[in-house]
Amino acid sequence: MLAEYSLPKYFWAEAVNTACYVLNRVNVRAKLEKTPYEILKGRTPNLSHLHVFGCKVFIHNNGKSHFGKFDPKYDEGVFLGYSSVGKSFRVFNKRTLMVEETTHVVFDESDPKKHGVEDDDVGEITSGVENLGKGREHQSNEGVEEVTQGVENFDEKGEPSHTLPRD
């Protein structure tokens, strides 16, 4: 599933969960002529909410982020599966680089091969995943410019220092 839709390997757990979710609802047991879902719950499963794994989705923001009047009210993402606790979908948000659970999703299943995570996104995601759990003291400040005019500097204790940093 991951290779089919050009998704990175660290989404393998999402792929396995989605495969199990679907197989429990559509795979019929020969002797009982029922799906595992029917055996467990005693009723036929609703299949109308099933979607293509890895397809492009548009996630409605719902006020999570403050955008301007003319900014888009949605984020682009990738469909990863179904929530285990509710009737929501698990999606990877390409803007925030986070996996979210939401019901406010529009699916674009027209050509899922084109909608996977691109190579540029993989580098950003990988670096974000590597930095998870690390404290601020372990993160590098590469690319951060020092502003020396009009800003107070702070010493190790967090108190203002009146000396300017060296150039």
C-alpha atoms as a PDB file:
ATOM      1  CA  MET A   1       0.000   0.000   0.000  1.00  0.00           C
ATOM      2  CA  LEU A   2       2.817   2.394   0.827  1.00  0.00           C
ATOM      3  CA  ALA A   3       4.716   1.762  -2.408  1.00  0.00           C
ATOM      4  CA  GLU A   4       1.555   2.018  -4.484  1.00  0.00           C
ATOM      5  CA  TYR A   5       0.899   5.559  -3.277  1.00  0.00           C
ATOM      6  CA  SER A   6       4.494   6.786  -2.780  1.00  0.00           C
ATOM      7  CA  LEU A   7       4.156   7.156   0.977  1.00  0.00           C
ATOM      8  CA  PRO A   8       7.166   7.040   3.329  1.00  0.00           C
ATOM      9  CA  LYS A   9       7.913   3.851   5.285  1.00  0.00           C
ATOM     10  CA  TYR A  10       7.121   5.389   8.668  1.00  0.00           C
ATOM     11  CA  PHE A  11       3.408   5.314   7.728  1.00  0.00           C
ATOM     12  CA  TRP A  12       3.536   1.485   7.749  1.00  0.00           C
ATOM     13  CA  ALA A  13       1.581   1.276  11.025  1.00  0.00           C
ATOM     14  CA  GLU A  14      -1.196   3.407   9.529  1.00  0.00           C
ATOM     15  CA  ALA A  15      -1.255   1.122   6.468  1.00  0.00           C
ATOM     16  CA  VAL A  16      -1.503  -2.024   8.620  1.00  0.00           C
ATOM     17  CA  ASN A  17      -4.295  -0.528  10.766  1.00  0.00           C
ATOM     18  CA  THR A  18      -6.251   0.484   7.666  1.00  0.00           C
ATOM     19  CA  ALA A  19      -5.776  -2.935   6.040  1.00  0.00           C
ATOM     20  CA  CYS A  20      -7.038  -4.700   9.195  1.00  0.00           C
ATOM     21  CA  TYR A  21      -9.981  -2.303   9.455  1.00  0.00           C
ATOM     22  CA  VAL A  22     -11.058  -3.013   5.870  1.00  0.00           C
ATOM     23  CA  LEU A  23     -10.403  -6.786   5.963  1.00  0.00           C
ATOM     24  CA  ASN A  24     -12.509  -7.184   9.122  1.00  0.00           C
ATOM     25  CA  ARG A  25     -15.437  -5.618   7.252  1.00  0.00           C
ATOM     26  CA  VAL A  26     -15.201  -7.243   3.816  1.00  0.00           C
ATOM     27  CA  ASN A  27     -13.425 -10.620   4.203  1.00  0.00           C
ATOM     28  CA  VAL A  28     -16.105 -13.339   4.391  1.00  0.00           C
ATOM     29  CA  ARG A  29     -15.516 -16.498   6.453  1.00  0.00           C
ATOM     30  CA  ALA A  30     -16.461 -19.519   4.294  1.00  0.00           C
ATOM     31  CA  LYS A  31     -18.097 -21.719   6.963  1.00  0.00           C
ATOM     32  CA  LEU A  32     -20.197 -18.990   8.568  1.00  0.00           C
ATOM     33  CA  GLU A  33     -20.695 -16.858   5.439  1.00  0.00           C
ATOM     34  CA  LYS A  34     -20.136 -13.766   7.584  1.00  0.00           C
ATOM     35  CA  THR A  35     -17.447 -11.146   7.959  1.00  0.00           C
ATOM     36  CA  PRO A  36     -15.430 -10.954  11.193  1.00  0.00           C
ATOM     37  CA  TYR A  37     -17.316  -7.720  11.959  1.00  0.00           C
ATOM     38  CA  GLU A  38     -20.678  -9.527  11.676  1.00  0.00           C
ATOM     39  CA  ILE A  39     -19.462 -12.325  13.946  1.00  0.00           C
ATOM     40  CA  LEU A  40     -18.272  -9.859  16.590  1.00  0.00           C
ATOM     41  CA  LYS A  41     -21.043  -7.237  16.434  1.00  0.00           C
ATOM     42  CA  GLY A  42     -23.996  -9.283  15.154  1.00  0.00           C
ATOM     43  CA  ARG A  43     -24.837  -6.863  12.302  1.00  0.00           C
ATOM     44  CA  THR A  44     -23.595  -6.142   8.810  1.00  0.00           C
ATOM     45  CA  PRO A  45     -20.956  -3.417   8.525  1.00  0.00           C
ATOM     46  CA  ASN A  46     -21.611  -0.077   6.826  1.00  0.00           C
ATOM     47  CA  LEU A  47     -19.121   0.267   3.966  1.00  0.00           C
ATOM     48  CA  SER A  48     -20.186   3.676   2.651  1.00  0.00           C
ATOM     49  CA  HIS A  49     -17.400   5.504   4.520  1.00  0.00           C
ATOM     50  CA  LEU A  50     -14.504   3.484   3.043  1.00  0.00           C
ATOM     51  CA  HIS A  51     -11.992   5.464   0.968  1.00  0.00           C
ATOM     52  CA  VAL A  52      -8.779   4.823  -0.972  1.00  0.00           C
ATOM     53  CA  PHE A  53      -5.696   4.688   1.265  1.00  0.00           C
ATOM     54  CA  GLY A  54      -3.171   7.378   0.311  1.00  0.00           C
ATOM     55  CA  CYS A  55      -5.559   9.577  -1.660  1.00  0.00           C
ATOM     56  CA  LYS A  56      -5.403  13.365  -1.516  1.00  0.00           C
ATOM     57  CA  VAL A  57      -7.670  15.009   1.056  1.00  0.00           C
ATOM     58  CA  PHE A  58      -8.592  18.560   1.913  1.00  0.00           C
ATOM     59  CA  ILE A  59      -8.886  19.156   5.666  1.00  0.00           C
ATOM     60  CA  HIS A  60     -11.141  21.978   6.841  1.00  0.00           C
ATOM     61  CA  ASN A  61      -9.361  24.164   9.401  1.00  0.00           C
ATOM     62  CA  ASN A  62     -12.345  24.815  11.721  1.00  0.00           C
ATOM     63  CA  GLY A  63     -10.573  27.786  13.276  1.00  0.00           C
ATOM     64  CA  LYS A  64      -7.554  25.732  14.395  1.00  0.00           C
ATOM     65  CA  SER A  65      -5.251  28.240  12.735  1.00  0.00           C
ATOM     66  CA  HIS A  66      -5.731  31.951  12.332  1.00  0.00           C
ATOM     67  CA  PHE A  67      -5.796  32.829   8.676  1.00  0.00           C
ATOM     68  CA  GLY A  68      -6.511  36.037   6.859  1.00  0.00           C
ATOM     69  CA  LYS A  69      -9.719  36.782   5.041  1.00  0.00           C
ATOM     70  CA  PHE A  70      -8.434  35.612   1.672  1.00  0.00           C
ATOM     71  CA  ASP A  71      -6.287  32.693   2.832  1.00  0.00           C
ATOM     72  CA  PRO A  72      -7.499  29.152   2.071  1.00  0.00           C
ATOM     73  CA  LYS A  73      -9.702  27.617   4.742  1.00  0.00           C
ATOM     74  CA  TYR A  74      -8.376  24.114   4.166  1.00  0.00           C
ATOM     75  CA  ASP A  75      -5.100  22.210   4.300  1.00  0.00           C
ATOM     76  CA  GLU A  76      -3.963  19.595   1.824  1.00  0.00           C
ATOM     77  CA  GLY A  77      -3.250  16.151   3.213  1.00  0.00           C
ATOM     78  CA  VAL A  78      -3.076  12.392   2.673  1.00  0.00           C
ATOM     79  CA  PHE A  79      -5.703   9.886   3.834  1.00  0.00           C
ATOM     80  CA  LEU A  80      -4.175   7.342   6.242  1.00  0.00           C
ATOM     81  CA  GLY A  81      -7.133   5.463   7.686  1.00  0.00           C
ATOM     82  CA  TYR A  82      -9.902   5.406  10.236  1.00  0.00           C
ATOM     83  CA  SER A  83     -10.049   6.405  13.889  1.00  0.00           C
ATOM     84  CA  SER A  84     -10.231   3.609  16.442  1.00  0.00           C
ATOM     85  CA  VAL A  85     -12.367   5.639  18.864  1.00  0.00           C
ATOM     86  CA  GLY A  86     -14.882   7.497  16.714  1.00  0.00           C
ATOM     87  CA  LYS A  87     -16.260   8.036  13.256  1.00  0.00           C
ATOM     88  CA  SER A  88     -13.417  10.246  12.117  1.00  0.00           C
ATOM     89  CA  PHE A  89     -10.628   9.802   9.578  1.00  0.00           C
ATOM     90  CA  ARG A  90      -6.872   9.771  10.186  1.00  0.00           C
ATOM     91  CA  VAL A  91      -5.138  12.166   7.794  1.00  0.00           C
ATOM     92  CA  PHE A  92      -1.620  13.509   7.422  1.00  0.00           C
ATOM     93  CA  ASN A  93      -1.682  17.312   7.220  1.00  0.00           C
ATOM     94  CA  LYS A  94       1.073  18.459   4.829  1.00  0.00           C
ATOM     95  CA  ARG A  95       1.125  22.009   6.235  1.00  0.00           C
ATOM     96  CA  THR A  96       1.541  21.102   9.909  1.00  0.00           C
ATOM     97  CA  LEU A  97       3.319  17.754   9.250  1.00  0.00           C
ATOM     98  CA  MET A  98       1.037  16.085  11.813  1.00  0.00           C
ATOM     99  CA  VAL A  99      -1.378  13.151  11.718  1.00  0.00           C
ATOM    100  CA  GLU A 100      -4.844  14.368  12.700  1.00  0.00           C
ATOM    101  CA  GLU A 101      -8.221  12.770  13.315  1.00  0.00           C
ATOM    102  CA  THR A 102     -11.097  14.735  11.829  1.00  0.00           C
ATOM    103  CA  THR A 103     -14.509  14.334  10.225  1.00  0.00           C
ATOM    104  CA  HIS A 104     -14.219  17.533   8.167  1.00  0.00           C
ATOM    105  CA  VAL A 105     -12.496  16.065   5.119  1.00  0.00           C
ATOM    106  CA  VAL A 106     -13.108  16.211   1.367  1.00  0.00           C
ATOM    107  CA  PHE A 107     -11.629  13.274  -0.567  1.00  0.00           C
ATOM    108  CA  ASP A 108     -10.036  13.454  -4.022  1.00  0.00           C
ATOM    109  CA  GLU A 109      -9.807   9.816  -5.138  1.00  0.00           C
ATOM    110  CA  SER A 110      -9.372  10.631  -8.841  1.00  0.00           C
ATOM    111  CA  ASP A 111      -5.729   9.469  -9.159  1.00  0.00           C
ATOM    112  CA  PRO A 112      -4.167   8.463  -5.823  1.00  0.00           C
ATOM    113  CA  LYS A 113      -0.724   7.784  -7.315  1.00  0.00           C
ATOM    114  CA  LYS A 114      -0.277  11.503  -7.895  1.00  0.00           C
ATOM    115  CA  HIS A 115      -1.326  12.459  -4.386  1.00  0.00           C
ATOM    116  CA  GLY A 116       1.217  10.752  -2.157  1.00  0.00           C
ATOM    117  CA  VAL A 117       3.809  12.576  -0.114  1.00  0.00           C
ATOM    118  CA  GLU A 118       6.373  14.111  -2.467  1.00  0.00           C
ATOM    119  CA  ASP A 119      10.155  13.898  -2.073  1.00  0.00           C
ATOM    120  CA  ASP A 120      10.353  17.466  -0.733  1.00  0.00           C
ATOM    121  CA  ASP A 121       7.766  16.643   1.922  1.00  0.00           C
ATOM    122  CA  VAL A 122       9.618  13.455   2.938  1.00  0.00           C
ATOM    123  CA  GLY A 123      12.744  15.423   3.891  1.00  0.00           C
ATOM    124  CA  GLU A 124      10.720  17.859   6.000  1.00  0.00           C
ATOM    125  CA  ILE A 125       8.751  15.063   7.650  1.00  0.00           C
ATOM    126  CA  THR A 126      11.861  12.995   8.357  1.00  0.00           C
ATOM    127  CA  SER A 127      13.638  15.905  10.006  1.00  0.00           C
ATOM    128  CA  GLY A 128      10.505  16.658  12.013  1.00  0.00           C
ATOM    129  CA  VAL A 129      10.190  13.035  13.142  1.00  0.00           C
ATOM    130  CA  GLU A 130      13.865  12.921  14.148  1.00  0.00           C
ATOM    131  CA  ASN A 131      13.415  16.027  16.324  1.00  0.00           C
ATOM    132  CA  LEU A 132      10.323  14.701  18.122  1.00  0.00           C
ATOM    133  CA  GLY A 133      10.910  14.272  21.814  1.00  0.00           C
ATOM    134  CA  LYS A 134      14.118  16.268  21.840  1.00  0.00           C
ATOM    135  CA  GLY A 135      14.286  19.229  24.158  1.00  0.00           C
ATOM    136  CA  ARG A 136      15.126  22.718  23.001  1.00  0.00           C
ATOM    137  CA  GLU A 137      18.700  22.313  24.199  1.00  0.00           C
ATOM    138  CA  HIS A 138      19.312  19.623  21.557  1.00  0.00           C
ATOM    139  CA  GLN A 139      17.875  21.531  18.604  1.00  0.00           C
ATOM    140  CA  SER A 140      20.181  23.527  16.389  1.00  0.00           C
ATOM    141  CA  ASN A 141      19.661  27.188  15.626  1.00  0.00           C
ATOM    142  CA  GLU A 142      20.969  27.048  12.063  1.00  0.00           C
ATOM    143  CA  GLY A 143      19.473  29.706   9.861  1.00  0.00           C
ATOM    144  CA  VAL A 144      18.332  31.842  12.774  1.00  0.00           C
ATOM    145  CA  GLU A 145      19.541  35.401  12.393  1.00  0.00           C
ATOM    146  CA  GLU A 146      20.672  37.344  15.401  1.00  0.00           C
ATOM    147  CA  VAL A 147      18.861  40.617  15.864  1.00  0.00           C
ATOM    148  CA  THR A 148      21.074  43.055  17.695  1.00  0.00           C
ATOM    149  CA  GLN A 149      19.273  46.358  17.538  1.00  0.00           C
ATOM    150  CA  GLY A 150      16.357  47.173  19.821  1.00  0.00           C
ATOM    151  CA  VAL A 151      16.291  43.770  21.520  1.00  0.00           C
ATOM    152  CA  GLU A 152      17.515  42.958  25.000  1.00  0.00           C
ATOM    153  CA  ASN A 153      19.744  39.919  25.411  1.00  0.00           C
ATOM    154  CA  PHE A 154      19.288  37.457  28.240  1.00  0.00           C
ATOM    155  CA  ASP A 155      21.900  35.635  30.290  1.00  0.00           C
ATOM    156  CA  GLU A 156      21.801  31.962  31.379  1.00  0.00           C
ATOM    157  CA  LYS A 157      19.364  32.735  34.215  1.00  0.00           C
ATOM    158  CA  GLY A 158      16.904  34.411  31.864  1.00  0.00           C
ATOM    159  CA  GLU A 159      17.565  37.923  33.158  1.00  0.00           C
ATOM    160  CA  PRO A 160      18.154  40.858  30.774  1.00  0.00           C
ATOM    161  CA  SER A 161      21.751  41.610  29.892  1.00  0.00           C
ATOM    162  CA  HIS A 162      22.729  45.087  28.752  1.00  0.00           C
ATOM    163  CA  THR A 163      25.641  43.996  26.582  1.00  0.00           C
ATOM    164  CA  LEU A 164      25.225  43.494  22.873  1.00  0.00           C
ATOM    165  CA  PRO A 165      26.248  40.167  21.353  1.00  0.00           C
ATOM    166  CA  ARG A 166      29.519  40.027  19.443  1.00  0.00           C
ATOM    167  CA  ASP A 167      29.433  40.180  15.647  1.00  0.00           C
END
